[in-house]
């Protein structure tokens, strides 16, 4: 399983999502819109995004941290 985490600096839910993925041994690529990625690129990937993080597992949009936690504890 591989994840993509769209995040931004100073985002507590982004930090929690990355920590949860690490605790489950899931590799992830971080796409930080405060650094090397743009909001436009985020909106191309997730047109309905209004908050961060936005998380994909195996190329399927899961949603934010709450949805990720729910999916990984099912």
N, C-alpha and C. Protein backbone atom coordinates (compact mmCIF):
# COMPACT_ATOMS: atom_id res chain seq x y z
N UNK A 1 0.85 -1.19 0.00
CA UNK A 1 0.00 0.00 0.00
C UNK A 1 0.89 1.23 0.00
N UNK A 2 0.52 2.21 -0.81
CA UNK A 2 1.27 3.46 -0.89
C UNK A 2 0.27 4.61 -0.77
N UNK A 3 0.70 5.68 -0.11
CA UNK A 3 -0.17 6.82 0.11
C UNK A 3 0.44 8.09 -0.46
N UNK A 4 -0.43 9.03 -0.80
CA UNK A 4 -0.03 10.39 -1.14
C UNK A 4 -0.77 11.29 -0.15
N UNK A 5 -0.01 12.17 0.50
CA UNK A 5 -0.59 13.08 1.48
C UNK A 5 -0.38 14.51 0.98
N UNK A 6 -1.46 15.17 0.59
CA UNK A 6 -1.40 16.59 0.27
C UNK A 6 -1.48 17.32 1.59
N UNK A 7 -0.51 18.18 1.88
CA UNK A 7 -0.43 18.82 3.19
C UNK A 7 0.01 20.28 3.04
N UNK A 8 0.13 20.94 4.19
CA UNK A 8 0.70 22.30 4.24
C UNK A 8 1.42 22.44 5.57
N UNK A 9 2.26 23.46 5.66
CA UNK A 9 2.99 23.72 6.89
C UNK A 9 2.01 24.10 8.01
N UNK A 10 2.39 23.81 9.25
CA UNK A 10 1.61 24.18 10.44
C UNK A 10 0.20 23.61 10.41
N UNK A 11 0.07 22.36 9.98
CA UNK A 11 -1.23 21.69 9.88
C UNK A 11 -1.23 20.49 10.83
N UNK A 12 -1.90 20.60 11.98
CA UNK A 12 -1.87 19.49 12.94
C UNK A 12 -2.48 18.19 12.40
N UNK A 13 -3.51 18.28 11.58
CA UNK A 13 -4.11 17.07 11.03
C UNK A 13 -3.18 16.41 10.01
N UNK A 14 -2.38 17.22 9.31
CA UNK A 14 -1.40 16.67 8.37
C UNK A 14 -0.35 15.88 9.14
N UNK A 15 0.12 16.44 10.25
CA UNK A 15 1.12 15.77 11.09
C UNK A 15 0.55 14.45 11.63
N UNK A 16 -0.70 14.48 12.09
CA UNK A 16 -1.33 13.28 12.63
C UNK A 16 -1.50 12.21 11.54
N UNK A 17 -1.88 12.63 10.34
CA UNK A 17 -2.08 11.68 9.24
C UNK A 17 -0.76 11.00 8.90
N UNK A 18 0.32 11.77 8.80
CA UNK A 18 1.62 11.19 8.47
C UNK A 18 2.09 10.24 9.58
N UNK A 19 1.85 10.62 10.84
CA UNK A 19 2.24 9.76 11.96
C UNK A 19 1.45 8.46 11.94
N UNK A 20 0.16 8.52 11.60
CA UNK A 20 -0.66 7.32 11.54
C UNK A 20 -0.16 6.39 10.43
N UNK A 21 0.14 6.95 9.27
CA UNK A 21 0.66 6.14 8.17
C UNK A 21 1.98 5.47 8.57
N UNK A 22 2.85 6.23 9.21
CA UNK A 22 4.14 5.68 9.66
C UNK A 22 3.93 4.56 10.67
N UNK A 23 2.98 4.75 11.58
CA UNK A 23 2.73 3.73 12.61
C UNK A 23 2.19 2.43 12.01
N UNK A 24 1.54 2.55 10.85
CA UNK A 24 1.00 1.37 10.16
C UNK A 24 1.98 0.80 9.14
N UNK A 25 3.16 1.44 9.02
CA UNK A 25 4.16 0.98 8.09
C UNK A 25 3.81 1.25 6.63
N UNK A 26 3.03 2.28 6.39
CA UNK A 26 2.60 2.61 5.03
C UNK A 26 3.48 3.72 4.48
N UNK A 27 4.13 3.46 3.36
CA UNK A 27 4.95 4.48 2.71
C UNK A 27 4.05 5.56 2.15
N UNK A 28 4.54 6.81 2.22
CA UNK A 28 3.75 7.89 1.65
C UNK A 28 4.66 8.92 0.99
N UNK A 29 4.06 9.60 0.02
CA UNK A 29 4.70 10.75 -0.62
C UNK A 29 3.96 11.98 -0.13
N UNK A 30 4.71 12.93 0.41
CA UNK A 30 4.08 14.16 0.87
C UNK A 30 4.14 15.21 -0.23
N UNK A 31 3.00 15.82 -0.49
CA UNK A 31 2.92 16.90 -1.48
C UNK A 31 2.46 18.16 -0.73
N UNK A 32 3.44 18.95 -0.32
CA UNK A 32 3.19 20.10 0.54
C UNK A 32 2.94 21.35 -0.31
N UNK A 33 1.73 21.92 -0.18
CA UNK A 33 1.38 23.09 -0.99
C UNK A 33 2.02 24.37 -0.46
N UNK A 34 2.71 24.29 0.69
CA UNK A 34 3.47 25.44 1.20
C UNK A 34 4.89 25.43 0.67
N UNK A 35 5.28 24.34 0.01
CA UNK A 35 6.67 24.22 -0.44
C UNK A 35 6.77 23.96 -1.94
N UNK A 36 6.82 22.69 -2.35
CA UNK A 36 7.11 22.36 -3.75
C UNK A 36 5.89 22.15 -4.63
N UNK A 37 4.71 22.21 -4.07
CA UNK A 37 3.49 21.97 -4.84
C UNK A 37 2.58 23.19 -4.73
N UNK A 38 1.63 23.31 -5.65
CA UNK A 38 0.73 24.48 -5.64
C UNK A 38 -0.70 24.05 -5.33
N UNK A 39 -1.48 25.02 -4.93
CA UNK A 39 -2.91 24.76 -4.69
C UNK A 39 -3.59 24.33 -5.99
N UNK A 40 -3.13 24.87 -7.10
CA UNK A 40 -3.69 24.49 -8.40
C UNK A 40 -3.47 23.00 -8.66
N UNK A 41 -2.27 22.50 -8.34
CA UNK A 41 -1.99 21.07 -8.52
C UNK A 41 -2.87 20.23 -7.59
N UNK A 42 -3.06 20.71 -6.37
CA UNK A 42 -3.96 20.02 -5.44
C UNK A 42 -5.36 19.95 -6.03
N UNK A 43 -5.85 21.07 -6.54
CA UNK A 43 -7.22 21.11 -7.07
C UNK A 43 -7.38 20.30 -8.35
N UNK A 44 -6.29 20.10 -9.09
CA UNK A 44 -6.35 19.19 -10.23
C UNK A 44 -6.55 17.76 -9.74
N UNK A 45 -5.87 17.40 -8.66
CA UNK A 45 -5.97 16.05 -8.11
C UNK A 45 -7.28 15.84 -7.35
N UNK A 46 -7.71 16.87 -6.61
CA UNK A 46 -8.92 16.79 -5.78
C UNK A 46 -9.72 18.07 -6.00
N UNK A 47 -10.55 18.13 -7.04
CA UNK A 47 -11.28 19.36 -7.35
C UNK A 47 -12.17 19.87 -6.21
N UNK A 48 -12.62 19.00 -5.33
CA UNK A 48 -13.52 19.40 -4.25
C UNK A 48 -12.78 19.72 -2.95
N UNK A 49 -11.45 19.72 -2.97
CA UNK A 49 -10.67 19.94 -1.74
C UNK A 49 -10.93 21.33 -1.16
N UNK A 50 -11.28 21.35 0.11
CA UNK A 50 -11.46 22.62 0.83
C UNK A 50 -10.57 22.66 2.06
N UNK A 51 -10.05 21.50 2.46
CA UNK A 51 -9.21 21.42 3.64
C UNK A 51 -8.03 20.50 3.35
N UNK A 52 -7.05 20.55 4.22
CA UNK A 52 -5.92 19.64 4.15
C UNK A 52 -5.81 18.93 5.49
N UNK A 53 -5.30 17.72 5.49
CA UNK A 53 -4.73 17.00 4.37
C UNK A 53 -5.79 16.38 3.46
N UNK A 54 -5.37 16.05 2.25
CA UNK A 54 -6.14 15.22 1.34
C UNK A 54 -5.27 13.99 1.08
N UNK A 55 -5.82 12.82 1.34
CA UNK A 55 -5.01 11.60 1.35
C UNK A 55 -5.53 10.59 0.35
N UNK A 56 -4.60 10.03 -0.41
CA UNK A 56 -4.90 8.94 -1.34
C UNK A 56 -4.21 7.68 -0.82
N UNK A 57 -4.92 6.56 -0.88
CA UNK A 57 -4.32 5.25 -0.61
C UNK A 57 -4.45 4.44 -1.89
N UNK A 58 -3.32 3.97 -2.40
CA UNK A 58 -3.32 3.22 -3.66
C UNK A 58 -4.15 3.91 -4.73
N UNK A 59 -3.91 5.21 -4.90
CA UNK A 59 -4.53 6.05 -5.93
C UNK A 59 -6.02 6.27 -5.74
N UNK A 60 -6.57 5.90 -4.59
CA UNK A 60 -7.99 6.14 -4.29
C UNK A 60 -8.08 7.22 -3.23
N UNK A 61 -8.88 8.27 -3.49
CA UNK A 61 -9.04 9.35 -2.53
C UNK A 61 -9.77 8.84 -1.29
N UNK A 62 -9.13 9.01 -0.15
CA UNK A 62 -9.73 8.62 1.13
C UNK A 62 -10.42 9.83 1.75
N UNK A 63 -9.78 10.99 1.67
CA UNK A 63 -10.29 12.21 2.29
C UNK A 63 -9.25 12.77 3.23
N UNK A 64 -9.70 13.25 4.39
CA UNK A 64 -8.81 13.85 5.37
C UNK A 64 -8.37 12.87 6.44
N UNK A 65 -7.82 13.41 7.53
CA UNK A 65 -7.29 12.57 8.61
C UNK A 65 -8.37 11.69 9.23
N UNK A 66 -9.54 12.23 9.50
CA UNK A 66 -10.61 11.46 10.13
C UNK A 66 -11.00 10.26 9.28
N UNK A 67 -11.12 10.47 7.97
CA UNK A 67 -11.47 9.38 7.07
C UNK A 67 -10.35 8.35 6.98
N UNK A 68 -9.10 8.82 7.01
CA UNK A 68 -7.95 7.92 6.98
C UNK A 68 -7.95 7.03 8.23
N UNK A 69 -8.14 7.66 9.39
CA UNK A 69 -8.14 6.90 10.65
C UNK A 69 -9.26 5.84 10.63
N UNK A 70 -10.43 6.23 10.15
CA UNK A 70 -11.55 5.30 10.09
C UNK A 70 -11.22 4.13 9.15
N UNK A 71 -10.65 4.43 7.98
CA UNK A 71 -10.35 3.39 7.00
C UNK A 71 -9.29 2.43 7.53
N UNK A 72 -8.29 2.93 8.22
CA UNK A 72 -7.19 2.08 8.70
C UNK A 72 -7.53 1.31 9.97
N UNK A 73 -8.66 1.63 10.60
CA UNK A 73 -9.05 0.89 11.80
C UNK A 73 -10.28 0.02 11.55
N UNK A 74 -10.71 -0.08 10.30
CA UNK A 74 -11.87 -0.92 9.97
C UNK A 74 -11.53 -2.38 10.14
